Amino acid sequence: MVTSKTDIQGADKIRGSGVIVLKNFDGTNATSADATLTLTSADGTTATFRTSVPNPQVVSAEEVMCEVLDANPTTSGGQTIFQAFGFPTPTGPIDTVLKLCLITRILSSGKEQIVCQSISGLDFSPIPNTPDWSGTIPDLTIYRLR
């Protein structure tokens, strides 16, 4: 997660949407976060990725999505985000290359203004007759640092 615009200057933007299902969610904990992401790179390449994160930290939408990205989601053919979009595969942890942003600033009025937000519109709600919750992300932006 980045908290400064300078951290993502010159980064590649991967845009898309996603669905996350929190299995056995009790309001704070879940046994897994199952995610499906449909992403498009700047050159127009689109791919769908899936992954499952055991025992995610459900403190914010951004934290869950960071864990989803760290789990290295793959296409049905086994391609990672890096392979599907032709990016070099990182030699270190994924979270050093793929970033989300949540940057705010305090206005002179004292109100907080969002400057950059990778996840827009996520709202988890219960799935009827199950202990699971689901949420859709209609507007997702992931930054790939070079």
C-alpha atoms as a PDB file:
ATOM      1  CA  MET A   1       0.000   0.000   0.000  1.00  0.00           C
ATOM      2  CA  VAL A   2       1.329   3.436  -0.861  1.00  0.00           C
ATOM      3  CA  THR A   3       0.461   6.623   0.952  1.00  0.00           C
ATOM      4  CA  SER A   4       2.288   9.129  -1.257  1.00  0.00           C
ATOM      5  CA  LYS A   5       1.686   9.992  -4.922  1.00  0.00           C
ATOM      6  CA  THR A   6       5.444  10.068  -5.541  1.00  0.00           C
ATOM      7  CA  ASP A   7       5.558   6.332  -4.730  1.00  0.00           C
ATOM      8  CA  ILE A   8       3.468   5.519  -7.820  1.00  0.00           C
ATOM      9  CA  GLN A   9       4.731   8.098 -10.321  1.00  0.00           C
ATOM     10  CA  GLY A  10       5.583   6.315 -13.555  1.00  0.00           C
ATOM     11  CA  ALA A  11       3.981   3.061 -12.411  1.00  0.00           C
ATOM     12  CA  ASP A  12       1.952   0.912 -14.797  1.00  0.00           C
ATOM     13  CA  LYS A  13      -1.782   0.967 -14.043  1.00  0.00           C
ATOM     14  CA  ILE A  14      -3.783  -2.233 -14.164  1.00  0.00           C
ATOM     15  CA  ARG A  15      -7.505  -1.542 -13.992  1.00  0.00           C
ATOM     16  CA  GLY A  16     -10.471  -3.784 -13.495  1.00  0.00           C
ATOM     17  CA  SER A  17     -13.037  -5.169 -11.129  1.00  0.00           C
ATOM     18  CA  GLY A  18     -13.315  -7.972  -8.636  1.00  0.00           C
ATOM     19  CA  VAL A  19     -15.479 -10.110  -6.413  1.00  0.00           C
ATOM     20  CA  ILE A  20     -14.352 -11.294  -2.993  1.00  0.00           C
ATOM     21  CA  VAL A  21     -16.146 -13.901  -0.876  1.00  0.00           C
ATOM     22  CA  LEU A  22     -15.246 -14.023   2.806  1.00  0.00           C
ATOM     23  CA  LYS A  23     -15.909 -17.587   3.983  1.00  0.00           C
ATOM     24  CA  ASN A  24     -17.304 -18.034   7.507  1.00  0.00           C
ATOM     25  CA  PHE A  25     -17.041 -14.300   8.202  1.00  0.00           C
ATOM     26  CA  ASP A  26     -17.957 -13.319  11.769  1.00  0.00           C
ATOM     27  CA  GLY A  27     -17.484  -9.577  11.429  1.00  0.00           C
ATOM     28  CA  THR A  28     -13.756  -9.658  12.131  1.00  0.00           C
ATOM     29  CA  ASN A  29     -12.351 -12.977  10.969  1.00  0.00           C
ATOM     30  CA  ALA A  30     -12.885 -15.275   7.998  1.00  0.00           C
ATOM     31  CA  THR A  31     -11.531 -18.721   7.178  1.00  0.00           C
ATOM     32  CA  SER A  32     -10.673 -17.577   3.639  1.00  0.00           C
ATOM     33  CA  ALA A  33     -11.042 -14.788   1.118  1.00  0.00           C
ATOM     34  CA  ASP A  34     -11.810 -16.182  -2.325  1.00  0.00           C
ATOM     35  CA  ALA A  35     -11.221 -13.612  -5.060  1.00  0.00           C
ATOM     36  CA  THR A  36     -11.926 -13.308  -8.768  1.00  0.00           C
ATOM     37  CA  LEU A  37     -10.330 -10.332 -10.515  1.00  0.00           C
ATOM     38  CA  THR A  38     -10.888  -9.235 -14.104  1.00  0.00           C
ATOM     39  CA  LEU A  39      -8.013  -6.939 -15.001  1.00  0.00           C
ATOM     40  CA  THR A  40      -6.946  -4.959 -18.060  1.00  0.00           C
ATOM     41  CA  SER A  41      -3.465  -3.614 -18.746  1.00  0.00           C
ATOM     42  CA  ALA A  42      -2.693  -0.342 -20.532  1.00  0.00           C
ATOM     43  CA  ASP A  43      -2.292  -2.171 -23.866  1.00  0.00           C
ATOM     44  CA  GLY A  44      -5.839  -3.545 -23.627  1.00  0.00           C
ATOM     45  CA  THR A  45      -4.946  -7.113 -22.621  1.00  0.00           C
ATOM     46  CA  THR A  46      -7.671  -8.477 -20.327  1.00  0.00           C
ATOM     47  CA  ALA A  47      -7.477 -11.569 -18.137  1.00  0.00           C
ATOM     48  CA  THR A  48      -9.396 -13.100 -15.232  1.00  0.00           C
ATOM     49  CA  PHE A  49      -7.490 -14.241 -12.153  1.00  0.00           C
ATOM     50  CA  ARG A  50      -8.517 -16.280  -9.133  1.00  0.00           C
ATOM     51  CA  THR A  51      -6.997 -17.015  -5.746  1.00  0.00           C
ATOM     52  CA  SER A  52      -7.890 -17.961  -2.195  1.00  0.00           C
ATOM     53  CA  VAL A  53      -6.287 -16.460   0.907  1.00  0.00           C
ATOM     54  CA  PRO A  54      -6.488 -18.509   4.125  1.00  0.00           C
ATOM     55  CA  ASN A  55      -7.406 -16.598   7.299  1.00  0.00           C
ATOM     56  CA  PRO A  56      -7.218 -13.067   5.841  1.00  0.00           C
ATOM     57  CA  GLN A  57      -6.882 -10.000   8.035  1.00  0.00           C
ATOM     58  CA  VAL A  58     -10.247  -8.324   7.556  1.00  0.00           C
ATOM     59  CA  VAL A  59      -9.395  -4.842   8.816  1.00  0.00           C
ATOM     60  CA  SER A  60     -10.077  -2.959   5.581  1.00  0.00           C
ATOM     61  CA  ALA A  61     -10.868  -3.568   1.936  1.00  0.00           C
ATOM     62  CA  GLU A  62      -7.329  -2.508   1.082  1.00  0.00           C
ATOM     63  CA  GLU A  63      -5.774  -5.005   3.500  1.00  0.00           C
ATOM     64  CA  VAL A  64      -7.839  -7.877   2.092  1.00  0.00           C
ATOM     65  CA  MET A  65      -6.936  -6.893  -1.478  1.00  0.00           C
ATOM     66  CA  CYS A  66      -3.234  -6.608  -0.575  1.00  0.00           C
ATOM     67  CA  GLU A  67      -3.396 -10.172   0.754  1.00  0.00           C
ATOM     68  CA  VAL A  68      -5.181 -11.283  -2.432  1.00  0.00           C
ATOM     69  CA  LEU A  69      -2.387  -9.781  -4.562  1.00  0.00           C
ATOM     70  CA  ASP A  70       0.292 -11.317  -2.310  1.00  0.00           C
ATOM     71  CA  ALA A  71      -1.315 -14.737  -2.924  1.00  0.00           C
ATOM     72  CA  ASN A  72      -0.286 -14.369  -6.604  1.00  0.00           C
ATOM     73  CA  PRO A  73      -3.644 -14.921  -8.354  1.00  0.00           C
ATOM     74  CA  THR A  74      -3.557 -16.908 -11.587  1.00  0.00           C
ATOM     75  CA  THR A  75      -5.638 -17.388 -14.717  1.00  0.00           C
ATOM     76  CA  SER A  76      -7.328 -20.709 -15.451  1.00  0.00           C
ATOM     77  CA  GLY A  77      -4.226 -21.507 -17.527  1.00  0.00           C
ATOM     78  CA  GLY A  78      -1.920 -20.829 -14.571  1.00  0.00           C
ATOM     79  CA  GLN A  79      -0.539 -17.441 -15.676  1.00  0.00           C
ATOM     80  CA  THR A  80       0.251 -14.879 -12.995  1.00  0.00           C
ATOM     81  CA  ILE A  81      -0.590 -11.190 -13.388  1.00  0.00           C
ATOM     82  CA  PHE A  82       3.019 -10.637 -14.475  1.00  0.00           C
ATOM     83  CA  GLN A  83       2.955 -13.378 -17.109  1.00  0.00           C
ATOM     84  CA  ALA A  84      -0.493 -12.490 -18.496  1.00  0.00           C
ATOM     85  CA  PHE A  85       0.468  -8.846 -19.012  1.00  0.00           C
ATOM     86  CA  GLY A  86       4.086  -9.417 -20.096  1.00  0.00           C
ATOM     87  CA  PHE A  87       5.681  -7.827 -17.029  1.00  0.00           C
ATOM     88  CA  PRO A  88       8.974  -9.121 -15.598  1.00  0.00           C
ATOM     89  CA  THR A  89       8.375 -11.572 -12.749  1.00  0.00           C
ATOM     90  CA  PRO A  90       9.656 -10.028  -9.512  1.00  0.00           C
ATOM     91  CA  THR A  91      12.532 -11.741  -7.746  1.00  0.00           C
ATOM     92  CA  GLY A  92      11.338 -10.548  -4.344  1.00  0.00           C
ATOM     93  CA  PRO A  93       7.968 -10.361  -2.602  1.00  0.00           C
ATOM     94  CA  ILE A  94       5.002  -9.415  -4.796  1.00  0.00           C
ATOM     95  CA  ASP A  95       4.047  -6.568  -2.460  1.00  0.00           C
ATOM     96  CA  THR A  96       7.238  -4.736  -3.419  1.00  0.00           C
ATOM     97  CA  VAL A  97       5.989  -4.482  -7.017  1.00  0.00           C
ATOM     98  CA  LEU A  98       2.162  -4.540  -7.020  1.00  0.00           C
ATOM     99  CA  LYS A  99       0.701  -1.701  -4.976  1.00  0.00           C
ATOM    100  CA  LEU A 100      -2.643  -0.232  -4.028  1.00  0.00           C
ATOM    101  CA  CYS A 101      -3.005   3.391  -3.019  1.00  0.00           C
ATOM    102  CA  LEU A 102      -5.010   5.087  -0.332  1.00  0.00           C
ATOM    103  CA  ILE A 103      -3.852   8.668  -0.063  1.00  0.00           C
ATOM    104  CA  THR A 104      -5.746  11.375   1.785  1.00  0.00           C
ATOM    105  CA  ARG A 105      -5.042  14.932   2.795  1.00  0.00           C
ATOM    106  CA  ILE A 106      -6.566  17.205   5.394  1.00  0.00           C
ATOM    107  CA  LEU A 107      -8.167  20.341   3.989  1.00  0.00           C
ATOM    108  CA  SER A 108      -7.994  23.700   5.749  1.00  0.00           C
ATOM    109  CA  SER A 109     -11.589  23.098   6.853  1.00  0.00           C
ATOM    110  CA  GLY A 110     -10.376  20.025   8.747  1.00  0.00           C
ATOM    111  CA  LYS A 111     -12.165  17.621   6.418  1.00  0.00           C
ATOM    112  CA  GLU A 112     -10.338  14.703   4.862  1.00  0.00           C
ATOM    113  CA  GLN A 113     -10.105  14.533   1.057  1.00  0.00           C
ATOM    114  CA  ILE A 114      -9.235  11.367  -0.871  1.00  0.00           C
ATOM    115  CA  VAL A 115      -6.395  12.027  -3.314  1.00  0.00           C
ATOM    116  CA  CYS A 116      -5.871   8.457  -4.586  1.00  0.00           C
ATOM    117  CA  GLN A 117      -7.938   5.353  -3.885  1.00  0.00           C
ATOM    118  CA  SER A 118      -7.324   1.976  -5.556  1.00  0.00           C
ATOM    119  CA  ILE A 119     -10.562   0.400  -4.370  1.00  0.00           C
ATOM    120  CA  SER A 120     -13.787   2.221  -5.053  1.00  0.00           C
ATOM    121  CA  GLY A 121     -17.267   1.019  -4.243  1.00  0.00           C
ATOM    122  CA  LEU A 122     -16.515  -2.134  -2.226  1.00  0.00           C
ATOM    123  CA  ASP A 123     -19.299  -3.040   0.148  1.00  0.00           C
ATOM    124  CA  PHE A 124     -19.456  -6.457   1.802  1.00  0.00           C
ATOM    125  CA  SER A 125     -22.874  -7.934   2.513  1.00  0.00           C
ATOM    126  CA  PRO A 126     -24.038 -11.291   3.872  1.00  0.00           C
ATOM    127  CA  ILE A 127     -24.891 -14.141   1.515  1.00  0.00           C
ATOM    128  CA  PRO A 128     -28.340 -15.355   2.637  1.00  0.00           C
ATOM    129  CA  ASN A 129     -28.498 -18.650   4.550  1.00  0.00           C
ATOM    130  CA  THR A 130     -24.694 -18.949   4.784  1.00  0.00           C
ATOM    131  CA  PRO A 131     -21.977 -17.678   7.163  1.00  0.00           C
ATOM    132  CA  ASP A 132     -20.292 -16.061   4.134  1.00  0.00           C
ATOM    133  CA  TRP A 133     -20.158 -12.458   2.946  1.00  0.00           C
ATOM    134  CA  SER A 134     -19.419 -11.171  -0.545  1.00  0.00           C
ATOM    135  CA  GLY A 135     -18.341  -7.882  -1.998  1.00  0.00           C
ATOM    136  CA  THR A 136     -17.850  -6.510  -5.473  1.00  0.00           C
ATOM    137  CA  ILE A 137     -15.229  -3.992  -6.480  1.00  0.00           C
ATOM    138  CA  PRO A 138     -16.544  -2.174  -9.551  1.00  0.00           C
ATOM    139  CA  ASP A 139     -13.476   0.054  -9.853  1.00  0.00           C
ATOM    140  CA  LEU A 140     -10.043  -1.348  -8.991  1.00  0.00           C
ATOM    141  CA  THR A 141      -6.634   0.149  -9.823  1.00  0.00           C
ATOM    142  CA  ILE A 142      -3.413  -1.742  -9.139  1.00  0.00           C
ATOM    143  CA  TYR A 143      -0.046  -0.070  -9.642  1.00  0.00           C
ATOM    144  CA  ARG A 144       2.996  -2.011 -10.867  1.00  0.00           C
ATOM    145  CA  LEU A 145       6.202  -0.329  -9.809  1.00  0.00           C
ATOM    146  CA  ARG A 146       9.003  -0.563 -12.345  1.00  0.00           C
END
